[in-house]
Amino acid sequence: MTAKTPSLLGVAHALDALNALFGRACAWLTLFLVVGTAVVVVLRYGFGIGAIALQESVMYAHALVFMGAAAWTLHREGHVRVDIFYQKFSGHRRALVDMLGTLLFLIPVCLFLGWNSWDYVSASWSTLEKSSESGGLPLVYLQKSIILVLVVSLLLQGVAILIKCGYLIGGRLPEQEKKHG
């Protein structure tokens, strides 16, 4: 980012960087998923030992990998989409499609998900919900909060997309910067 970067574009870059940092951290949890799952299997079938807390930790990490890295994946344009027409569009037209998709789909879905999960998550927090399994983790309320992490991070990434698309449509942002800027 140069000294001449407009402040709103700086906000978009900061949101990109924040989601990238969080997404990369969540992506590293995949290593734990592999090792943790292998340990659970070896303990259970090799030694007849149950490891409920480790098994639940793997489940929590699995949720965080997918929900925590969703905004970073959106930033990297890694979500599945049908782009038969999109790939042939000009940069301005792509920005318009991205802007409309963000306004008409991403933001409403995030708001719907946030609204509908708020009571579910807050009820879990109000009782500091614990695992129902003997030897399980006392952190179910944190796992359920990952839903709100998804909502907030996707909304923030949506704001970054809208800012960058606005600058691109206005001719004040090079097309290659919108993608991974």
N, C-alpha and C. Protein backbone atom coordinates (compact mmCIF):
# COMPACT_ATOMS: atom_id res chain seq x y z
N MET A 1 0.85 -1.17 0.00
CA MET A 1 0.00 0.00 0.00
C MET A 1 0.90 1.24 0.00
N THR A 2 0.63 2.14 -0.92
CA THR A 2 1.44 3.35 -1.03
C THR A 2 0.83 4.47 -0.21
N ALA A 3 1.58 5.57 -0.10
CA ALA A 3 1.11 6.71 0.65
C ALA A 3 -0.10 7.35 -0.02
N LYS A 4 -0.29 7.11 -1.33
CA LYS A 4 -1.39 7.71 -2.06
C LYS A 4 -2.65 6.83 -2.06
N THR A 5 -2.63 5.75 -1.33
CA THR A 5 -3.79 4.87 -1.28
C THR A 5 -4.92 5.58 -0.54
N PRO A 6 -6.10 5.66 -1.17
CA PRO A 6 -7.25 6.28 -0.49
C PRO A 6 -7.59 5.52 0.79
N SER A 7 -8.12 6.25 1.77
CA SER A 7 -8.35 5.64 3.08
C SER A 7 -9.33 4.47 3.03
N LEU A 8 -10.39 4.56 2.22
CA LEU A 8 -11.32 3.43 2.13
C LEU A 8 -10.64 2.20 1.54
N LEU A 9 -9.77 2.43 0.59
CA LEU A 9 -9.03 1.31 0.00
C LEU A 9 -8.08 0.72 1.05
N GLY A 10 -7.54 1.56 1.89
CA GLY A 10 -6.71 1.09 3.00
C GLY A 10 -7.50 0.21 3.95
N VAL A 11 -8.75 0.57 4.19
CA VAL A 11 -9.64 -0.25 5.03
C VAL A 11 -9.84 -1.61 4.37
N ALA A 12 -10.08 -1.61 3.05
CA ALA A 12 -10.27 -2.88 2.33
C ALA A 12 -9.03 -3.75 2.44
N HIS A 13 -7.86 -3.15 2.27
CA HIS A 13 -6.61 -3.91 2.39
C HIS A 13 -6.41 -4.44 3.80
N ALA A 14 -6.78 -3.64 4.80
CA ALA A 14 -6.65 -4.09 6.19
C ALA A 14 -7.60 -5.26 6.47
N LEU A 15 -8.82 -5.19 5.94
CA LEU A 15 -9.77 -6.29 6.12
C LEU A 15 -9.27 -7.55 5.41
N ASP A 16 -8.73 -7.38 4.20
CA ASP A 16 -8.13 -8.52 3.49
C ASP A 16 -7.02 -9.15 4.31
N ALA A 17 -6.16 -8.30 4.85
CA ALA A 17 -5.02 -8.80 5.62
C ALA A 17 -5.48 -9.50 6.90
N LEU A 18 -6.47 -8.94 7.56
CA LEU A 18 -7.00 -9.55 8.78
C LEU A 18 -7.60 -10.92 8.48
N ASN A 19 -8.42 -11.00 7.44
CA ASN A 19 -9.02 -12.28 7.07
C ASN A 19 -7.98 -13.28 6.58
N ALA A 20 -6.96 -12.80 5.89
CA ALA A 20 -5.89 -13.69 5.43
C ALA A 20 -5.10 -14.25 6.62
N LEU A 21 -4.80 -13.41 7.58
CA LEU A 21 -4.08 -13.85 8.77
C LEU A 21 -4.89 -14.90 9.53
N PHE A 22 -6.15 -14.61 9.76
CA PHE A 22 -7.01 -15.54 10.48
C PHE A 22 -7.22 -16.82 9.67
N GLY A 23 -7.43 -16.68 8.38
CA GLY A 23 -7.63 -17.85 7.51
C GLY A 23 -6.42 -18.76 7.48
N ARG A 24 -5.24 -18.17 7.38
CA ARG A 24 -4.01 -18.98 7.39
C ARG A 24 -3.84 -19.71 8.71
N ALA A 25 -4.14 -19.02 9.80
CA ALA A 25 -4.04 -19.66 11.12
C ALA A 25 -5.01 -20.84 11.20
N CYS A 26 -6.22 -20.65 10.71
CA CYS A 26 -7.20 -21.74 10.72
C CYS A 26 -6.76 -22.87 9.80
N ALA A 27 -6.15 -22.55 8.68
CA ALA A 27 -5.70 -23.58 7.73
C ALA A 27 -4.65 -24.48 8.37
N TRP A 28 -3.84 -23.94 9.25
CA TRP A 28 -2.82 -24.75 9.93
C TRP A 28 -3.44 -25.80 10.85
N LEU A 29 -4.70 -25.58 11.21
CA LEU A 29 -5.38 -26.57 12.05
C LEU A 29 -5.58 -27.90 11.33
N THR A 30 -5.47 -27.89 10.00
CA THR A 30 -5.62 -29.16 9.27
C THR A 30 -4.54 -30.16 9.67
N LEU A 31 -3.37 -29.67 10.01
CA LEU A 31 -2.32 -30.55 10.50
C LEU A 31 -2.78 -31.24 11.80
N PHE A 32 -3.37 -30.45 12.69
CA PHE A 32 -3.91 -31.02 13.93
C PHE A 32 -5.03 -32.02 13.63
N LEU A 33 -5.86 -31.73 12.62
CA LEU A 33 -6.95 -32.64 12.25
C LEU A 33 -6.40 -34.02 11.88
N VAL A 34 -5.35 -34.03 11.09
CA VAL A 34 -4.77 -35.30 10.65
C VAL A 34 -4.14 -36.04 11.83
N VAL A 35 -3.30 -35.35 12.57
CA VAL A 35 -2.61 -35.99 13.70
C VAL A 35 -3.61 -36.39 14.79
N GLY A 36 -4.52 -35.49 15.13
CA GLY A 36 -5.49 -35.78 16.17
C GLY A 36 -6.39 -36.96 15.82
N THR A 37 -6.85 -37.00 14.58
CA THR A 37 -7.68 -38.12 14.15
C THR A 37 -6.90 -39.43 14.18
N ALA A 38 -5.66 -39.39 13.73
CA ALA A 38 -4.83 -40.60 13.75
C ALA A 38 -4.62 -41.10 15.18
N VAL A 39 -4.38 -40.18 16.10
CA VAL A 39 -4.18 -40.56 17.50
C VAL A 39 -5.46 -41.16 18.08
N VAL A 40 -6.62 -40.55 17.78
CA VAL A 40 -7.89 -41.09 18.27
C VAL A 40 -8.10 -42.51 17.76
N VAL A 41 -7.83 -42.73 16.48
CA VAL A 41 -8.02 -44.06 15.89
C VAL A 41 -7.06 -45.08 16.50
N VAL A 42 -5.79 -44.71 16.64
CA VAL A 42 -4.80 -45.63 17.23
C VAL A 42 -5.17 -45.95 18.68
N LEU A 43 -5.54 -44.93 19.44
CA LEU A 43 -5.93 -45.18 20.84
C LEU A 43 -7.15 -46.09 20.93
N ARG A 44 -8.15 -45.81 20.10
CA ARG A 44 -9.38 -46.58 20.19
C ARG A 44 -9.20 -48.03 19.71
N TYR A 45 -8.65 -48.19 18.51
CA TYR A 45 -8.59 -49.52 17.93
C TYR A 45 -7.30 -50.28 18.26
N GLY A 46 -6.27 -49.54 18.61
CA GLY A 46 -5.02 -50.20 18.97
C GLY A 46 -4.92 -50.54 20.44
N PHE A 47 -5.49 -49.66 21.27
CA PHE A 47 -5.33 -49.83 22.71
C PHE A 47 -6.65 -49.89 23.47
N GLY A 48 -7.76 -49.71 22.77
CA GLY A 48 -9.07 -49.76 23.42
C GLY A 48 -9.31 -48.60 24.36
N ILE A 49 -8.65 -47.47 24.11
CA ILE A 49 -8.78 -46.29 24.97
C ILE A 49 -9.59 -45.22 24.22
N GLY A 50 -10.60 -44.70 24.88
CA GLY A 50 -11.38 -43.60 24.30
C GLY A 50 -10.72 -42.27 24.64
N ALA A 51 -10.73 -41.37 23.70
CA ALA A 51 -10.15 -40.05 23.91
C ALA A 51 -11.19 -39.00 23.50
N ILE A 52 -12.23 -38.87 24.31
CA ILE A 52 -13.36 -38.01 23.99
C ILE A 52 -12.92 -36.56 23.83
N ALA A 53 -12.10 -36.06 24.74
CA ALA A 53 -11.67 -34.66 24.66
C ALA A 53 -10.88 -34.40 23.38
N LEU A 54 -10.01 -35.32 23.01
CA LEU A 54 -9.24 -35.16 21.77
C LEU A 54 -10.17 -35.25 20.57
N GLN A 55 -11.10 -36.17 20.61
CA GLN A 55 -12.05 -36.32 19.51
C GLN A 55 -12.89 -35.05 19.35
N GLU A 56 -13.34 -34.47 20.44
CA GLU A 56 -14.10 -33.23 20.37
C GLU A 56 -13.21 -32.07 19.92
N SER A 57 -11.95 -32.06 20.32
CA SER A 57 -11.01 -31.03 19.86
C SER A 57 -10.87 -31.07 18.34
N VAL A 58 -10.80 -32.27 17.81
CA VAL A 58 -10.72 -32.43 16.36
C VAL A 58 -11.98 -31.88 15.71
N MET A 59 -13.11 -32.15 16.31
CA MET A 59 -14.38 -31.65 15.77
C MET A 59 -14.43 -30.12 15.82
N TYR A 60 -13.98 -29.52 16.90
CA TYR A 60 -13.94 -28.07 17.02
C TYR A 60 -13.00 -27.47 15.97
N ALA A 61 -11.84 -28.09 15.82
CA ALA A 61 -10.86 -27.61 14.83
C ALA A 61 -11.42 -27.73 13.42
N HIS A 62 -12.14 -28.80 13.16
CA HIS A 62 -12.75 -29.01 11.85
C HIS A 62 -13.71 -27.86 11.54
N ALA A 63 -14.54 -27.51 12.50
CA ALA A 63 -15.47 -26.39 12.32
C ALA A 63 -14.72 -25.09 12.08
N LEU A 64 -13.65 -24.88 12.82
CA LEU A 64 -12.88 -23.65 12.68
C LEU A 64 -12.13 -23.59 11.35
N VAL A 65 -11.67 -24.72 10.86
CA VAL A 65 -10.99 -24.73 9.55
C VAL A 65 -11.95 -24.25 8.48
N PHE A 66 -13.14 -24.78 8.45
CA PHE A 66 -14.08 -24.43 7.39
C PHE A 66 -14.73 -23.08 7.59
N MET A 67 -15.18 -22.79 8.79
CA MET A 67 -15.87 -21.53 9.02
C MET A 67 -14.90 -20.37 9.22
N GLY A 68 -13.75 -20.64 9.81
CA GLY A 68 -12.79 -19.58 10.06
C GLY A 68 -12.03 -19.16 8.80
N ALA A 69 -11.88 -20.07 7.87
CA ALA A 69 -11.13 -19.76 6.65
C ALA A 69 -12.04 -19.38 5.48
N ALA A 70 -13.35 -19.34 5.69
CA ALA A 70 -14.28 -19.05 4.59
C ALA A 70 -14.06 -17.66 3.99
N ALA A 71 -13.84 -16.65 4.83
CA ALA A 71 -13.65 -15.30 4.32
C ALA A 71 -12.32 -15.18 3.55
N TRP A 72 -11.30 -15.85 4.04
CA TRP A 72 -10.01 -15.85 3.33
C TRP A 72 -10.17 -16.54 1.98
N THR A 73 -10.92 -17.61 1.95
CA THR A 73 -11.18 -18.31 0.70
C THR A 73 -11.95 -17.41 -0.26
N LEU A 74 -12.90 -16.65 0.26
CA LEU A 74 -13.64 -15.68 -0.57
C LEU A 74 -12.70 -14.63 -1.12
N HIS A 75 -11.82 -14.13 -0.28
CA HIS A 75 -10.82 -13.13 -0.72
C HIS A 75 -9.95 -13.69 -1.84
N ARG A 76 -9.58 -14.94 -1.73
CA ARG A 76 -8.70 -15.59 -2.72
C ARG A 76 -9.48 -16.10 -3.94
N GLU A 77 -10.80 -15.84 -3.95
CA GLU A 77 -11.69 -16.30 -5.01
C GLU A 77 -11.63 -17.82 -5.16
N GLY A 78 -11.61 -18.51 -4.03
CA GLY A 78 -11.48 -19.96 -4.02
C GLY A 78 -12.77 -20.73 -3.86
N HIS A 79 -13.90 -20.03 -3.67
CA HIS A 79 -15.17 -20.74 -3.53
C HIS A 79 -15.63 -21.22 -4.90
N VAL A 80 -16.35 -22.31 -4.91
CA VAL A 80 -16.86 -22.89 -6.15
C VAL A 80 -17.92 -21.96 -6.72
N ARG A 81 -17.81 -21.72 -8.00
CA ARG A 81 -18.85 -20.96 -8.69
C ARG A 81 -18.84 -21.35 -10.16
N VAL A 82 -19.93 -21.08 -10.82
CA VAL A 82 -20.02 -21.35 -12.25
C VAL A 82 -19.58 -20.06 -12.95
N ASP A 83 -18.44 -20.10 -13.59
CA ASP A 83 -17.93 -18.87 -14.20
C ASP A 83 -17.75 -18.99 -15.72
N ILE A 84 -18.70 -19.67 -16.36
CA ILE A 84 -18.63 -19.82 -17.81
C ILE A 84 -18.62 -18.44 -18.47
N PHE A 85 -19.46 -17.55 -17.98
CA PHE A 85 -19.53 -16.21 -18.54
C PHE A 85 -18.57 -15.26 -17.83
N TYR A 86 -18.47 -15.39 -16.52
CA TYR A 86 -17.68 -14.49 -15.69
C TYR A 86 -16.24 -14.39 -16.15
N GLN A 87 -15.63 -15.53 -16.51
CA GLN A 87 -14.22 -15.54 -16.89
C GLN A 87 -13.95 -14.73 -18.16
N LYS A 88 -14.99 -14.52 -18.97
CA LYS A 88 -14.82 -13.76 -20.21
C LYS A 88 -15.18 -12.29 -20.05
N PHE A 89 -15.69 -11.92 -18.88
CA PHE A 89 -16.08 -10.53 -18.64
C PHE A 89 -14.86 -9.64 -18.48
N SER A 90 -15.04 -8.37 -18.76
CA SER A 90 -13.99 -7.37 -18.49
C SER A 90 -13.90 -7.16 -16.98
N GLY A 91 -12.85 -6.47 -16.57
CA GLY A 91 -12.66 -6.20 -15.14
C GLY A 91 -13.80 -5.41 -14.54
N HIS A 92 -14.32 -4.43 -15.29
CA HIS A 92 -15.44 -3.63 -14.79
C HIS A 92 -16.69 -4.48 -14.63
N ARG A 93 -16.95 -5.34 -15.59
CA ARG A 93 -18.15 -6.18 -15.53
C ARG A 93 -18.02 -7.21 -14.40
N ARG A 94 -16.82 -7.76 -14.21
CA ARG A 94 -16.60 -8.69 -13.09
C ARG A 94 -16.84 -7.98 -11.76
N ALA A 95 -16.35 -6.76 -11.67
CA ALA A 95 -16.54 -5.99 -10.43
C ALA A 95 -18.02 -5.74 -10.18
N LEU A 96 -18.77 -5.46 -11.23
CA LEU A 96 -20.21 -5.25 -11.08
C LEU A 96 -20.90 -6.54 -10.61
N VAL A 97 -20.53 -7.67 -11.21
CA VAL A 97 -21.09 -8.96 -10.79
C VAL A 97 -20.72 -9.25 -9.34
N ASP A 98 -19.47 -9.02 -8.96
CA ASP A 98 -19.03 -9.25 -7.58
C ASP A 98 -19.77 -8.34 -6.61
N MET A 99 -19.95 -7.09 -7.02
CA MET A 99 -20.64 -6.13 -6.16
C MET A 99 -22.10 -6.55 -5.96
N LEU A 100 -22.77 -6.90 -7.05
CA LEU A 100 -24.16 -7.32 -6.95
C LEU A 100 -24.29 -8.63 -6.17
N GLY A 101 -23.38 -9.56 -6.40
CA GLY A 101 -23.40 -10.82 -5.66
C GLY A 101 -23.22 -10.59 -4.16
N THR A 102 -22.35 -9.67 -3.83
CA THR A 102 -22.11 -9.35 -2.42
C THR A 102 -23.33 -8.70 -1.79
N LEU A 103 -23.92 -7.74 -2.51
CA LEU A 103 -25.08 -7.02 -1.98
C LEU A 103 -26.35 -7.87 -1.94
N LEU A 104 -26.55 -8.70 -2.96
CA LEU A 104 -27.80 -9.45 -3.07
C LEU A 104 -27.76 -10.83 -2.43
N PHE A 105 -26.56 -11.39 -2.30
CA PHE A 105 -26.46 -12.76 -1.78
C PHE A 105 -25.63 -12.85 -0.50
N LEU A 106 -24.36 -12.44 -0.57
CA LEU A 106 -23.47 -12.63 0.57
C LEU A 106 -23.98 -11.92 1.83
N ILE A 107 -24.23 -10.64 1.74
CA ILE A 107 -24.63 -9.89 2.93
C ILE A 107 -25.99 -10.35 3.46
N PRO A 108 -27.01 -10.54 2.61
CA PRO A 108 -28.28 -11.04 3.16
C PRO A 108 -28.15 -12.43 3.81
N VAL A 109 -27.39 -13.32 3.19
CA VAL A 109 -27.23 -14.66 3.78
C VAL A 109 -26.49 -14.56 5.12
N CYS A 110 -25.46 -13.74 5.18
CA CYS A 110 -24.74 -13.56 6.45
C CYS A 110 -25.64 -12.98 7.53
N LEU A 111 -26.43 -11.97 7.17
CA LEU A 111 -27.34 -11.37 8.15
C LEU A 111 -28.40 -12.38 8.60
N PHE A 112 -28.92 -13.16 7.67
CA PHE A 112 -29.89 -14.20 8.01
C PHE A 112 -29.27 -15.23 8.95
N LEU A 113 -28.08 -15.68 8.62
CA LEU A 113 -27.39 -16.67 9.45
C LEU A 113 -27.08 -16.09 10.83
N GLY A 114 -26.60 -14.88 10.87
CA GLY A 114 -26.31 -14.23 12.16
C GLY A 114 -27.56 -14.06 13.01
N TRP A 115 -28.63 -13.60 12.39
CA TRP A 115 -29.89 -13.39 13.11
C TRP A 115 -30.44 -14.71 13.67
N ASN A 116 -30.41 -15.74 12.83
CA ASN A 116 -30.99 -17.02 13.23
C ASN A 116 -30.10 -17.83 14.17
N SER A 117 -28.83 -17.54 14.23
CA SER A 117 -27.95 -18.29 15.12
C SER A 117 -27.68 -17.56 16.43
N TRP A 118 -28.07 -16.29 16.52
CA TRP A 118 -27.76 -15.50 17.71
C TRP A 118 -28.34 -16.14 18.98
N ASP A 119 -29.60 -16.50 18.96
CA ASP A 119 -30.21 -17.11 20.15
C ASP A 119 -29.56 -18.44 20.50
N TYR A 120 -29.25 -19.22 19.48
CA TYR A 120 -28.60 -20.52 19.66
C TYR A 120 -27.26 -20.36 20.36
N VAL A 121 -26.47 -19.39 19.89
CA VAL A 121 -25.14 -19.16 20.47
C VAL A 121 -25.26 -18.50 21.85
N SER A 122 -26.13 -17.51 21.98
CA SER A 122 -26.24 -16.82 23.28
C SER A 122 -26.80 -17.74 24.36
N ALA A 123 -27.71 -18.64 23.99
CA ALA A 123 -28.21 -19.61 24.98
C ALA A 123 -27.09 -20.52 25.47
N SER A 124 -26.21 -20.89 24.56
CA SER A 124 -25.08 -21.72 24.93
C SER A 124 -24.13 -20.96 25.86
N TRP A 125 -23.91 -19.68 25.57
CA TRP A 125 -23.05 -18.86 26.42
C TRP A 125 -23.68 -18.63 27.79
N SER A 126 -25.01 -18.47 27.83
CA SER A 126 -25.65 -18.15 29.10
C SER A 126 -25.50 -19.28 30.12
N THR A 127 -25.33 -20.50 29.62
CA THR A 127 -25.15 -21.63 30.53
C THR A 127 -23.71 -22.15 30.52
N LEU A 128 -22.85 -21.48 29.74
CA LEU A 128 -21.48 -21.97 29.51
C LEU A 128 -21.54 -23.47 29.20
N GLU A 129 -22.29 -23.78 28.16
CA GLU A 129 -22.59 -25.15 27.78
C GLU A 129 -21.34 -26.02 27.69
N LYS A 130 -21.48 -27.20 28.25
CA LYS A 130 -20.37 -28.17 28.26
C LYS A 130 -20.78 -29.39 27.44
N SER A 131 -19.81 -30.20 27.14
CA SER A 131 -20.07 -31.45 26.43
C SER A 131 -20.94 -32.36 27.28
N SER A 132 -21.83 -33.07 26.62
CA SER A 132 -22.67 -34.03 27.34
C SER A 132 -21.94 -35.36 27.56
N GLU A 133 -20.78 -35.50 26.94
CA GLU A 133 -19.99 -36.73 27.06
C GLU A 133 -19.09 -36.67 28.29
N SER A 134 -18.96 -37.80 28.96
CA SER A 134 -18.05 -37.88 30.09
C SER A 134 -16.62 -37.73 29.56
N GLY A 135 -15.87 -36.82 30.11
CA GLY A 135 -14.51 -36.57 29.64
C GLY A 135 -14.45 -35.64 28.45
N GLY A 136 -15.61 -35.07 28.08
CA GLY A 136 -15.65 -34.13 26.95
C GLY A 136 -15.20 -32.74 27.36
N LEU A 137 -15.10 -31.86 26.39
CA LEU A 137 -14.64 -30.50 26.64
C LEU A 137 -15.76 -29.61 27.19
N PRO A 138 -15.41 -28.74 28.12
CA PRO A 138 -16.42 -27.83 28.67
C PRO A 138 -16.54 -26.54 27.85
N LEU A 139 -16.39 -26.64 26.52
CA LEU A 139 -16.30 -25.44 25.68
C LEU A 139 -17.28 -25.44 24.52
N VAL A 140 -18.41 -26.09 24.66
CA VAL A 140 -19.38 -26.16 23.56
C VAL A 140 -19.81 -24.76 23.14
N TYR A 141 -19.93 -23.84 24.08
CA TYR A 141 -20.33 -22.47 23.76
C TYR A 141 -19.33 -21.79 22.83
N LEU A 142 -18.04 -22.14 22.96
CA LEU A 142 -17.04 -21.58 22.05
C LEU A 142 -17.17 -22.18 20.65
N GLN A 143 -17.46 -23.48 20.61
CA GLN A 143 -17.64 -24.11 19.30
C GLN A 143 -18.82 -23.48 18.58
N LYS A 144 -19.91 -23.27 19.28
CA LYS A 144 -21.09 -22.67 18.65
C LYS A 144 -20.82 -21.23 18.21
N SER A 145 -19.92 -20.56 18.89
CA SER A 145 -19.57 -19.18 18.53
C SER A 145 -18.85 -19.08 17.20
N ILE A 146 -18.32 -20.19 16.73
CA ILE A 146 -17.64 -20.20 15.43
C ILE A 146 -18.61 -19.80 14.32
N ILE A 147 -19.90 -20.05 14.51
CA ILE A 147 -20.89 -19.62 13.53
C ILE A 147 -20.86 -18.11 13.39
N LEU A 148 -20.76 -17.41 14.51
CA LEU A 148 -20.72 -15.94 14.46
C LEU A 148 -19.39 -15.44 13.91
N VAL A 149 -18.32 -16.19 14.14
CA VAL A 149 -17.03 -15.85 13.54
C VAL A 149 -17.15 -15.90 12.02
N LEU A 150 -17.81 -16.93 11.52
CA LEU A 150 -18.06 -17.04 10.08
C LEU A 150 -18.82 -15.83 9.57
N VAL A 151 -19.90 -15.49 10.25
CA VAL A 151 -20.75 -14.37 9.82
C VAL A 151 -19.95 -13.06 9.80
N VAL A 152 -19.26 -12.77 10.88
CA VAL A 152 -18.51 -11.50 10.97
C VAL A 152 -17.39 -11.44 9.94
N SER A 153 -16.63 -12.52 9.82
CA SER A 153 -15.51 -12.49 8.87
C SER A 153 -16.00 -12.38 7.43
N LEU A 154 -17.09 -13.05 7.09
CA LEU A 154 -17.64 -12.93 5.73
C LEU A 154 -18.21 -11.54 5.48
N LEU A 155 -18.86 -10.96 6.48
CA LEU A 155 -19.36 -9.58 6.32
C LEU A 155 -18.21 -8.60 6.12
N LEU A 156 -17.15 -8.76 6.90
CA LEU A 156 -16.00 -7.87 6.74
C LEU A 156 -15.36 -8.04 5.36
N GLN A 157 -15.27 -9.29 4.89
CA GLN A 157 -14.72 -9.51 3.56
C GLN A 157 -15.65 -8.95 2.49
N GLY A 158 -16.96 -9.03 2.74
CA GLY A 158 -17.92 -8.42 1.82
C GLY A 158 -17.72 -6.92 1.72
N VAL A 159 -17.46 -6.26 2.84
CA VAL A 159 -17.18 -4.82 2.83
C VAL A 159 -15.92 -4.54 2.00
N ALA A 160 -14.89 -5.36 2.18
CA ALA A 160 -13.65 -5.18 1.40
C ALA A 160 -13.92 -5.36 -0.09
N ILE A 161 -14.74 -6.34 -0.43
CA ILE A 161 -15.08 -6.56 -1.84
C ILE A 161 -15.83 -5.36 -2.40
N LEU A 162 -16.80 -4.86 -1.67
CA LEU A 162 -17.57 -3.71 -2.14
C LEU A 162 -16.68 -2.49 -2.35
N ILE A 163 -15.77 -2.25 -1.43
CA ILE A 163 -14.86 -1.10 -1.57
C ILE A 163 -14.00 -1.26 -2.81
N LYS A 164 -13.38 -2.42 -2.96
CA LYS A 164 -12.48 -2.62 -4.11
C LYS A 164 -13.24 -2.60 -5.43
N CYS A 165 -14.44 -3.18 -5.45
CA CYS A 165 -15.24 -3.14 -6.67
C CYS A 165 -15.66 -1.72 -7.01
N GLY A 166 -16.00 -0.95 -6.00
CA GLY A 166 -16.35 0.45 -6.23
C GLY A 166 -15.19 1.23 -6.84
N TYR A 167 -14.01 1.02 -6.31
CA TYR A 167 -12.82 1.68 -6.87
C TYR A 167 -12.51 1.19 -8.28
N LEU A 168 -12.69 -0.10 -8.52
CA LEU A 168 -12.42 -0.66 -9.84
C LEU A 168 -13.42 -0.11 -10.86
N ILE A 169 -14.70 -0.09 -10.51
CA ILE A 169 -15.73 0.44 -11.41
C ILE A 169 -15.48 1.92 -11.66
N GLY A 170 -15.02 2.63 -10.64
CA GLY A 170 -14.71 4.05 -10.78
C GLY A 170 -13.40 4.32 -11.49
N GLY A 171 -12.69 3.27 -11.87
CA GLY A 171 -11.43 3.44 -12.60
C GLY A 171 -10.26 3.85 -11.74
N ARG A 172 -10.36 3.64 -10.43
CA ARG A 172 -9.29 4.07 -9.52
C ARG A 172 -8.52 2.91 -8.91
N LEU A 173 -8.73 1.69 -9.44
CA LEU A 173 -8.04 0.51 -8.91
C LEU A 173 -7.69 -0.40 -10.07
N PRO A 174 -6.43 -0.78 -10.19
CA PRO A 174 -6.06 -1.75 -11.23
C PRO A 174 -6.76 -3.08 -10.98
N GLU A 175 -7.19 -3.76 -12.05
CA GLU A 175 -7.94 -5.01 -11.93
C GLU A 175 -7.19 -6.07 -11.14
N GLN A 176 -5.88 -6.19 -11.34
CA GLN A 176 -5.13 -7.23 -10.64
C GLN A 176 -5.06 -6.97 -9.15
N GLU A 177 -5.21 -5.73 -8.71
CA GLU A 177 -5.18 -5.44 -7.27
C GLU A 177 -6.46 -5.89 -6.59
N LYS A 178 -7.59 -5.89 -7.31
CA LYS A 178 -8.86 -6.31 -6.71
C LYS A 178 -8.78 -7.76 -6.27
N LYS A 179 -8.14 -8.57 -7.06
CA LYS A 179 -8.14 -10.01 -6.82
C LYS A 179 -7.43 -10.36 -5.52
N HIS A 180 -6.21 -9.98 -5.37
CA HIS A 180 -5.44 -10.38 -4.18
C HIS A 180 -4.73 -9.19 -3.55
N GLY A 181 -5.28 -8.02 -3.73
CA GLY A 181 -4.62 -6.83 -3.23
C GLY A 181 -4.73 -6.64 -1.77
